[in-house]
Structure formats: structure tokens, C-alpha cells
Amino acid sequence: MFPGGKQRDSVPGTCVDAATGALAGVEAQRVYALHYEDFAGDPRRSLRNLFDFLGVDEASGSLDALAALVRPD
């Protein structure tokens, strides 16, 4: 069920469309878009960018440990 009581068929992009609509009123600097392809291709860089956006300091070795958990298969 989507905002306004709408229900949509399960098709690619539906979740993205719903999230985009839900975030339309949020200030752009408060939204971080993380794309699967970028995350799967370079998890360490994607996590570093996410940490930077959140203002989180990398704990010793945590970024590498987290990136090592990513298995894009």
C-alpha cells in the first residue's frame, strides 16, 4: 500500500518511485542516494561516502570490515 491508499503492481522501479515521491518534500541536503551498482562495484568507496554524508568517523578498520561483507551475487 502506498501513500494515499494506492496499490501498485510489483514492477521494477515501483519502490524507487514510491521513495522518490515520499522524499519529494525533504530538503535535498538531507537525502543520500545509494545506487546498488555503485555499492556492489566499490563498496568501500560507497560506504566512505555514506559515512561522510552521515558525519560518522570511520572506526579503525570498520570500513574495510564492512566492505568485505558485501557479496553482490
N, C-alpha and C. Protein backbone atom coordinates (compact mmCIF):
# COMPACT_ATOMS: atom_id res chain seq x y z
N MET A 1 0.84 -1.17 0.00
CA MET A 1 0.00 0.00 0.00
C MET A 1 0.89 1.24 0.00
N PHE A 2 0.58 2.19 -0.83
CA PHE A 2 1.35 3.41 -0.96
C PHE A 2 0.58 4.57 -0.34
N PRO A 3 1.27 5.70 -0.13
CA PRO A 3 0.57 6.87 0.41
C PRO A 3 -0.69 7.18 -0.40
N GLY A 4 -1.72 7.57 0.28
CA GLY A 4 -2.98 7.87 -0.40
C GLY A 4 -3.81 6.64 -0.66
N GLY A 5 -3.38 5.48 -0.13
CA GLY A 5 -4.14 4.25 -0.28
C GLY A 5 -3.98 3.58 -1.63
N LYS A 6 -3.05 4.07 -2.44
CA LYS A 6 -2.84 3.46 -3.76
C LYS A 6 -2.11 2.14 -3.62
N GLN A 7 -2.45 1.22 -4.48
CA GLN A 7 -1.75 -0.06 -4.52
C GLN A 7 -1.27 -0.25 -5.96
N ARG A 8 -0.01 -0.67 -6.13
CA ARG A 8 0.54 -0.84 -7.47
C ARG A 8 1.01 -2.26 -7.65
N ASP A 9 1.03 -2.68 -8.89
CA ASP A 9 1.60 -3.99 -9.22
C ASP A 9 3.09 -3.98 -8.93
N SER A 10 3.63 -5.15 -8.69
CA SER A 10 5.05 -5.26 -8.44
C SER A 10 5.80 -5.23 -9.76
N VAL A 11 6.37 -4.08 -10.07
CA VAL A 11 7.15 -3.91 -11.29
C VAL A 11 8.45 -3.21 -10.93
N PRO A 12 9.50 -3.42 -11.71
CA PRO A 12 10.76 -2.74 -11.42
C PRO A 12 10.55 -1.23 -11.34
N GLY A 13 11.17 -0.62 -10.36
CA GLY A 13 11.07 0.83 -10.21
C GLY A 13 9.99 1.26 -9.25
N THR A 14 9.07 0.37 -8.89
CA THR A 14 7.97 0.75 -8.01
C THR A 14 8.47 1.28 -6.68
N CYS A 15 9.39 0.60 -6.06
CA CYS A 15 9.93 1.06 -4.77
C CYS A 15 10.68 2.37 -4.93
N VAL A 16 11.43 2.48 -6.02
CA VAL A 16 12.16 3.72 -6.28
C VAL A 16 11.17 4.86 -6.49
N ASP A 17 10.12 4.61 -7.26
CA ASP A 17 9.11 5.64 -7.49
C ASP A 17 8.46 6.06 -6.18
N ALA A 18 8.11 5.10 -5.34
CA ALA A 18 7.47 5.40 -4.06
C ALA A 18 8.41 6.20 -3.16
N ALA A 19 9.67 5.80 -3.09
CA ALA A 19 10.64 6.50 -2.25
C ALA A 19 10.87 7.92 -2.77
N THR A 20 10.99 8.06 -4.07
CA THR A 20 11.19 9.38 -4.66
C THR A 20 10.02 10.30 -4.33
N GLY A 21 8.82 9.78 -4.45
CA GLY A 21 7.64 10.57 -4.13
C GLY A 21 7.59 10.93 -2.66
N ALA A 22 7.92 9.99 -1.80
CA ALA A 22 7.89 10.23 -0.36
C ALA A 22 8.94 11.25 0.07
N LEU A 23 10.06 11.29 -0.64
CA LEU A 23 11.15 12.19 -0.28
C LEU A 23 11.07 13.54 -0.99
N ALA A 24 10.07 13.73 -1.81
CA ALA A 24 9.96 14.96 -2.62
C ALA A 24 9.96 16.22 -1.76
N GLY A 25 9.39 16.15 -0.57
CA GLY A 25 9.31 17.32 0.28
C GLY A 25 10.48 17.49 1.23
N VAL A 26 11.45 16.58 1.18
CA VAL A 26 12.60 16.64 2.08
C VAL A 26 13.71 17.45 1.41
N GLU A 27 14.39 18.27 2.20
CA GLU A 27 15.48 19.08 1.67
C GLU A 27 16.55 18.17 1.05
N ALA A 28 17.03 18.56 -0.12
CA ALA A 28 17.98 17.74 -0.88
C ALA A 28 19.24 17.39 -0.07
N GLN A 29 19.71 18.29 0.76
CA GLN A 29 20.94 18.01 1.53
C GLN A 29 20.71 16.99 2.64
N ARG A 30 19.45 16.59 2.86
CA ARG A 30 19.15 15.58 3.89
C ARG A 30 18.91 14.20 3.28
N VAL A 31 19.06 14.08 1.96
CA VAL A 31 18.80 12.81 1.27
C VAL A 31 20.09 12.30 0.64
N TYR A 32 20.37 11.03 0.85
CA TYR A 32 21.55 10.40 0.24
C TYR A 32 21.08 9.25 -0.64
N ALA A 33 21.40 9.31 -1.90
CA ALA A 33 21.03 8.24 -2.83
C ALA A 33 22.19 7.27 -2.97
N LEU A 34 21.93 6.03 -2.65
CA LEU A 34 22.93 4.98 -2.77
C LEU A 34 22.45 4.00 -3.83
N HIS A 35 23.19 3.91 -4.91
CA HIS A 35 22.80 3.05 -6.02
C HIS A 35 23.46 1.68 -5.88
N TYR A 36 22.68 0.65 -6.09
CA TYR A 36 23.16 -0.73 -5.93
C TYR A 36 24.41 -0.97 -6.76
N GLU A 37 24.40 -0.54 -8.00
CA GLU A 37 25.53 -0.80 -8.90
C GLU A 37 26.81 -0.19 -8.35
N ASP A 38 26.73 1.03 -7.82
CA ASP A 38 27.90 1.69 -7.25
C ASP A 38 28.36 0.95 -6.00
N PHE A 39 27.39 0.59 -5.15
CA PHE A 39 27.71 -0.10 -3.90
C PHE A 39 28.34 -1.46 -4.17
N ALA A 40 27.76 -2.22 -5.09
CA ALA A 40 28.29 -3.55 -5.41
C ALA A 40 29.66 -3.45 -6.09
N GLY A 41 29.84 -2.43 -6.92
CA GLY A 41 31.08 -2.28 -7.66
C GLY A 41 32.25 -1.80 -6.81
N ASP A 42 31.97 -0.93 -5.85
CA ASP A 42 33.03 -0.39 -4.99
C ASP A 42 32.44 -0.11 -3.61
N PRO A 43 32.23 -1.17 -2.83
CA PRO A 43 31.59 -1.00 -1.53
C PRO A 43 32.36 -0.09 -0.56
N ARG A 44 33.67 -0.15 -0.61
CA ARG A 44 34.45 0.68 0.31
C ARG A 44 34.22 2.16 0.03
N ARG A 45 34.28 2.55 -1.23
CA ARG A 45 34.06 3.96 -1.58
C ARG A 45 32.63 4.37 -1.27
N SER A 46 31.67 3.50 -1.57
CA SER A 46 30.27 3.81 -1.28
C SER A 46 30.04 4.00 0.21
N LEU A 47 30.63 3.14 1.03
CA LEU A 47 30.50 3.27 2.48
C LEU A 47 31.20 4.52 2.99
N ARG A 48 32.37 4.82 2.44
CA ARG A 48 33.10 6.03 2.84
C ARG A 48 32.25 7.27 2.55
N ASN A 49 31.63 7.32 1.36
CA ASN A 49 30.77 8.45 1.01
C ASN A 49 29.56 8.53 1.93
N LEU A 50 28.98 7.38 2.26
CA LEU A 50 27.84 7.36 3.17
C LEU A 50 28.26 7.83 4.57
N PHE A 51 29.38 7.35 5.06
CA PHE A 51 29.89 7.79 6.36
C PHE A 51 30.10 9.30 6.36
N ASP A 52 30.69 9.82 5.28
CA ASP A 52 30.92 11.26 5.17
C ASP A 52 29.60 12.02 5.22
N PHE A 53 28.61 11.55 4.48
CA PHE A 53 27.30 12.19 4.46
C PHE A 53 26.67 12.22 5.85
N LEU A 54 26.82 11.11 6.58
CA LEU A 54 26.24 11.00 7.92
C LEU A 54 27.07 11.69 8.99
N GLY A 55 28.29 12.09 8.64
CA GLY A 55 29.16 12.71 9.62
C GLY A 55 29.73 11.71 10.61
N VAL A 56 29.87 10.47 10.17
CA VAL A 56 30.38 9.39 11.01
C VAL A 56 31.86 9.19 10.72
N ASP A 57 32.66 9.20 11.79
CA ASP A 57 34.09 8.94 11.62
C ASP A 57 34.29 7.44 11.49
N GLU A 58 35.18 7.08 10.61
CA GLU A 58 35.49 5.66 10.42
C GLU A 58 36.23 5.14 11.64
N ALA A 59 35.67 4.11 12.24
CA ALA A 59 36.37 3.45 13.34
C ALA A 59 37.52 2.66 12.73
N SER A 60 38.52 2.42 13.48
CA SER A 60 39.71 1.73 12.99
C SER A 60 39.35 0.41 12.30
N GLY A 61 39.51 0.38 11.00
CA GLY A 61 39.29 -0.83 10.23
C GLY A 61 37.84 -1.20 9.97
N SER A 62 36.89 -0.44 10.51
CA SER A 62 35.48 -0.83 10.35
C SER A 62 35.03 -0.72 8.90
N LEU A 63 35.52 0.26 8.19
CA LEU A 63 35.12 0.44 6.79
C LEU A 63 35.54 -0.76 5.95
N ASP A 64 36.77 -1.20 6.12
CA ASP A 64 37.24 -2.37 5.38
C ASP A 64 36.47 -3.62 5.77
N ALA A 65 36.18 -3.77 7.07
CA ALA A 65 35.44 -4.94 7.54
C ALA A 65 34.03 -4.96 6.97
N LEU A 66 33.37 -3.82 6.94
CA LEU A 66 32.03 -3.74 6.38
C LEU A 66 32.05 -3.99 4.87
N ALA A 67 32.99 -3.38 4.18
CA ALA A 67 33.09 -3.55 2.73
C ALA A 67 33.34 -5.01 2.36
N ALA A 68 34.08 -5.72 3.20
CA ALA A 68 34.37 -7.12 2.93
C ALA A 68 33.14 -8.01 3.03
N LEU A 69 32.10 -7.53 3.69
CA LEU A 69 30.86 -8.31 3.83
C LEU A 69 29.97 -8.27 2.60
N VAL A 70 30.25 -7.34 1.68
CA VAL A 70 29.41 -7.15 0.51
C VAL A 70 29.68 -8.26 -0.50
N ARG A 71 28.63 -8.96 -0.87
CA ARG A 71 28.72 -10.03 -1.88
C ARG A 71 27.63 -9.78 -2.92
N PRO A 72 27.94 -9.11 -4.00
CA PRO A 72 26.92 -8.72 -4.97
C PRO A 72 26.47 -9.83 -5.93
N ASP A 73 26.35 -11.06 -5.45
CA ASP A 73 25.92 -12.12 -6.35
C ASP A 73 24.47 -12.46 -6.18
